[in-house]
């Protein structure tokens, strides 16, 4: 039986990936972990968009790079897959629930020996004309759902960074 705390301590953000595709069965396991994330009142309103088509991953990574002010930069660091989490627009716990889904998926991917990195600007990337085109292709109603954020996934190209020391004075008791 694996030690969950050790898994959590070992998960780090990876920013350099091999080109190797992530096998479909592993992607399915990662998505399943996301689908079992806790949600407010168990509404389970989140959608997950799996993008593994290389041209689509690259396109979205370039959109995201442009949004961060770095035209031509692949904000997905060469990762071969990205999972984008959407919540219903205006949902009371949509952001919280979406973050829970993202966290579960990153932790499951790490337990499978894969690297991940949480990528911000999810909402903005799908508000661009190119992003709206990807949503339409996937069959997601961009008026009803908004992207919370994305997680890139792949095989790390190099060593996974070690965790730095934890800052002190962050826990209080009453």
Protein backbone atom coordinates (compact mmCIF):
# COMPACT_ATOMS: atom_id res chain seq x y z
CA UNK A 1 0.00 0.00 0.00
CA UNK A 2 1.44 3.36 -0.97
CA UNK A 3 1.87 6.17 1.53
CA UNK A 4 -0.27 9.09 0.37
CA UNK A 5 1.68 11.70 2.34
CA UNK A 6 4.95 10.55 0.74
CA UNK A 7 3.27 10.81 -2.69
CA UNK A 8 2.07 14.34 -1.93
CA UNK A 9 5.49 15.42 -0.69
CA UNK A 10 7.14 14.04 -3.84
CA UNK A 11 4.85 15.66 -6.40
CA UNK A 12 6.50 18.67 -7.99
CA UNK A 13 5.81 20.82 -11.04
CA UNK A 14 7.66 19.64 -14.15
CA UNK A 15 8.59 22.11 -16.88
CA UNK A 16 10.42 19.90 -19.38
CA UNK A 17 8.86 16.86 -21.06
CA UNK A 18 9.79 14.07 -23.41
CA UNK A 19 7.80 13.88 -26.65
CA UNK A 20 6.49 10.40 -25.79
CA UNK A 21 2.70 10.20 -25.71
CA UNK A 22 1.04 9.22 -22.46
CA UNK A 23 -0.73 5.86 -22.93
CA UNK A 24 -4.51 6.07 -23.12
CA UNK A 25 -5.03 3.77 -20.12
CA UNK A 26 -2.93 6.07 -17.91
CA UNK A 27 -4.82 9.13 -19.15
CA UNK A 28 -8.05 7.33 -18.28
CA UNK A 29 -6.81 6.65 -14.73
CA UNK A 30 -5.84 10.29 -14.28
CA UNK A 31 -9.22 11.47 -15.53
CA UNK A 32 -10.99 8.99 -13.26
CA UNK A 33 -9.14 10.47 -10.28
CA UNK A 34 -10.43 13.88 -11.31
CA UNK A 35 -13.98 12.61 -11.62
CA UNK A 36 -13.78 11.36 -8.00
CA UNK A 37 -12.74 14.75 -6.61
CA UNK A 38 -15.03 16.16 -3.95
CA UNK A 39 -17.51 18.76 -5.19
CA UNK A 40 -19.96 21.04 -3.40
CA UNK A 41 -23.05 19.03 -2.47
CA UNK A 42 -21.71 16.29 -4.78
CA UNK A 43 -23.00 18.20 -7.83
CA UNK A 44 -20.22 16.85 -10.08
CA UNK A 45 -20.69 19.71 -12.55
CA UNK A 46 -17.14 19.83 -13.87
CA UNK A 47 -16.18 18.84 -17.40
CA UNK A 48 -12.73 17.64 -18.40
CA UNK A 49 -11.38 18.31 -21.88
CA UNK A 50 -8.58 15.88 -22.79
CA UNK A 51 -6.27 17.20 -25.50
CA UNK A 52 -3.64 14.80 -26.85
CA UNK A 53 -3.65 15.74 -30.54
CA UNK A 54 -0.17 17.31 -30.92
CA UNK A 55 -1.30 20.26 -33.07
CA UNK A 56 -4.11 21.14 -30.64
CA UNK A 57 -1.82 20.87 -27.59
CA UNK A 58 0.74 23.09 -29.31
CA UNK A 59 -1.90 25.61 -30.40
CA UNK A 60 -3.31 25.94 -26.89
CA UNK A 61 0.19 26.20 -25.38
CA UNK A 62 1.03 29.06 -27.75
CA UNK A 63 -2.25 30.83 -26.95
CA UNK A 64 -1.43 30.56 -23.25
CA UNK A 65 2.12 31.84 -23.82
CA UNK A 66 0.79 34.84 -25.70
CA UNK A 67 -1.64 35.57 -22.85
CA UNK A 68 1.27 35.69 -20.40
CA UNK A 69 2.99 38.22 -22.66
CA UNK A 70 5.48 35.81 -24.25
CA UNK A 71 4.51 35.52 -27.91
CA UNK A 72 5.81 32.30 -29.46
CA UNK A 73 6.41 30.60 -26.09
CA UNK A 74 4.89 27.16 -25.51
CA UNK A 75 3.44 27.65 -22.04
CA UNK A 76 2.93 23.86 -21.89
CA UNK A 77 6.71 23.21 -21.93
CA UNK A 78 6.47 20.55 -24.64
CA UNK A 79 4.08 18.31 -22.68
CA UNK A 80 2.23 15.88 -24.97
CA UNK A 81 -1.11 16.12 -23.14
CA UNK A 82 -3.25 18.67 -21.37
CA UNK A 83 -6.41 18.24 -19.31
CA UNK A 84 -8.59 21.33 -19.03
CA UNK A 85 -11.21 21.51 -16.28
CA UNK A 86 -14.43 23.45 -16.81
CA UNK A 87 -17.17 24.45 -14.40
CA UNK A 88 -20.63 25.81 -15.07
CA UNK A 89 -20.51 29.59 -15.34
CA UNK A 90 -21.73 31.16 -12.13
CA UNK A 91 -21.69 27.90 -10.17
CA UNK A 92 -21.42 28.70 -6.47
CA UNK A 93 -18.51 26.30 -5.85
CA UNK A 94 -17.28 26.02 -9.44
CA UNK A 95 -13.77 27.35 -8.88
CA UNK A 96 -13.28 25.32 -5.70
CA UNK A 97 -14.60 22.14 -7.27
CA UNK A 98 -12.52 22.64 -10.42
CA UNK A 99 -9.37 23.10 -8.35
CA UNK A 100 -10.16 19.89 -6.49
CA UNK A 101 -10.44 18.03 -9.82
CA UNK A 102 -7.10 19.48 -11.00
CA UNK A 103 -5.37 18.53 -7.75
CA UNK A 104 -6.65 14.95 -7.82
CA UNK A 105 -5.45 14.54 -11.41
CA UNK A 106 -1.98 15.90 -10.68
CA UNK A 107 -1.55 13.63 -7.69
CA UNK A 108 -2.72 10.55 -9.61
CA UNK A 109 -0.39 11.37 -12.51
CA UNK A 110 2.55 11.69 -10.11
CA UNK A 111 1.69 8.32 -8.56
CA UNK A 112 1.92 6.82 -12.07
CA UNK A 113 5.41 8.25 -12.62
CA UNK A 114 4.27 11.13 -14.81
CA UNK A 115 5.12 14.80 -14.54
CA UNK A 116 2.54 17.57 -14.32
CA UNK A 117 2.29 21.31 -14.01
CA UNK A 118 -0.77 23.40 -13.18
CA UNK A 119 -1.18 26.00 -15.91
CA UNK A 120 -3.10 29.21 -15.26
CA UNK A 121 -5.00 31.47 -17.68
CA UNK A 122 -7.46 28.67 -18.47
CA UNK A 123 -10.48 30.95 -18.68
CA UNK A 124 -8.70 33.46 -20.89
CA UNK A 125 -7.26 30.90 -23.31
CA UNK A 126 -10.76 29.66 -24.17
CA UNK A 127 -12.07 33.20 -24.65
CA UNK A 128 -9.78 33.69 -27.67
CA UNK A 129 -11.13 32.88 -31.15
CA UNK A 130 -8.75 29.89 -31.37
CA UNK A 131 -9.81 28.66 -27.93
CA UNK A 132 -13.48 28.99 -28.82
CA UNK A 133 -12.77 26.95 -31.95
CA UNK A 134 -11.27 24.15 -29.82
CA UNK A 135 -14.32 24.20 -27.52
CA UNK A 136 -16.64 23.97 -30.50
CA UNK A 137 -14.63 21.05 -31.90
CA UNK A 138 -14.95 19.25 -28.53
CA UNK A 139 -18.68 19.97 -28.26
CA UNK A 140 -18.42 22.14 -25.12
CA UNK A 141 -20.77 25.12 -24.82
CA UNK A 142 -18.44 28.01 -24.00
CA UNK A 143 -21.39 30.14 -22.94
CA UNK A 144 -22.44 27.60 -20.29
CA UNK A 145 -18.97 26.53 -19.07
CA UNK A 146 -15.73 28.32 -18.29
CA UNK A 147 -12.28 26.84 -17.92
CA UNK A 148 -10.96 26.90 -14.37
CA UNK A 149 -7.41 25.91 -15.36
CA UNK A 150 -5.38 23.16 -16.98
CA UNK A 151 -2.83 20.55 -16.04
CA UNK A 152 -0.15 19.44 -18.49
CA UNK A 153 0.99 15.83 -18.34
CA UNK A 154 3.87 13.84 -19.73
CA UNK A 155 7.07 11.97 -19.02
CA UNK A 156 9.61 14.25 -17.35
CA UNK A 157 12.74 14.98 -19.38
CA UNK A 158 15.26 15.00 -16.54
CA UNK A 159 15.06 14.82 -12.78
CA UNK A 160 11.91 15.82 -10.95
CA UNK A 161 12.74 18.80 -8.75
CA UNK A 162 12.94 18.22 -5.00
CA UNK A 163 10.63 20.04 -2.63
CA UNK A 164 12.11 23.01 -0.86
CA UNK A 165 11.76 23.43 2.89
CA UNK A 166 8.30 24.38 4.08
CA UNK A 167 7.86 27.89 5.45
CA UNK A 168 7.27 28.09 9.17
CA UNK A 169 4.44 29.78 11.07
CA UNK A 170 1.66 28.75 8.70
CA UNK A 171 -0.51 26.73 11.10
CA UNK A 172 -2.55 28.27 13.88
CA UNK A 173 -4.63 26.70 16.61
CA UNK A 174 -7.52 27.96 18.71
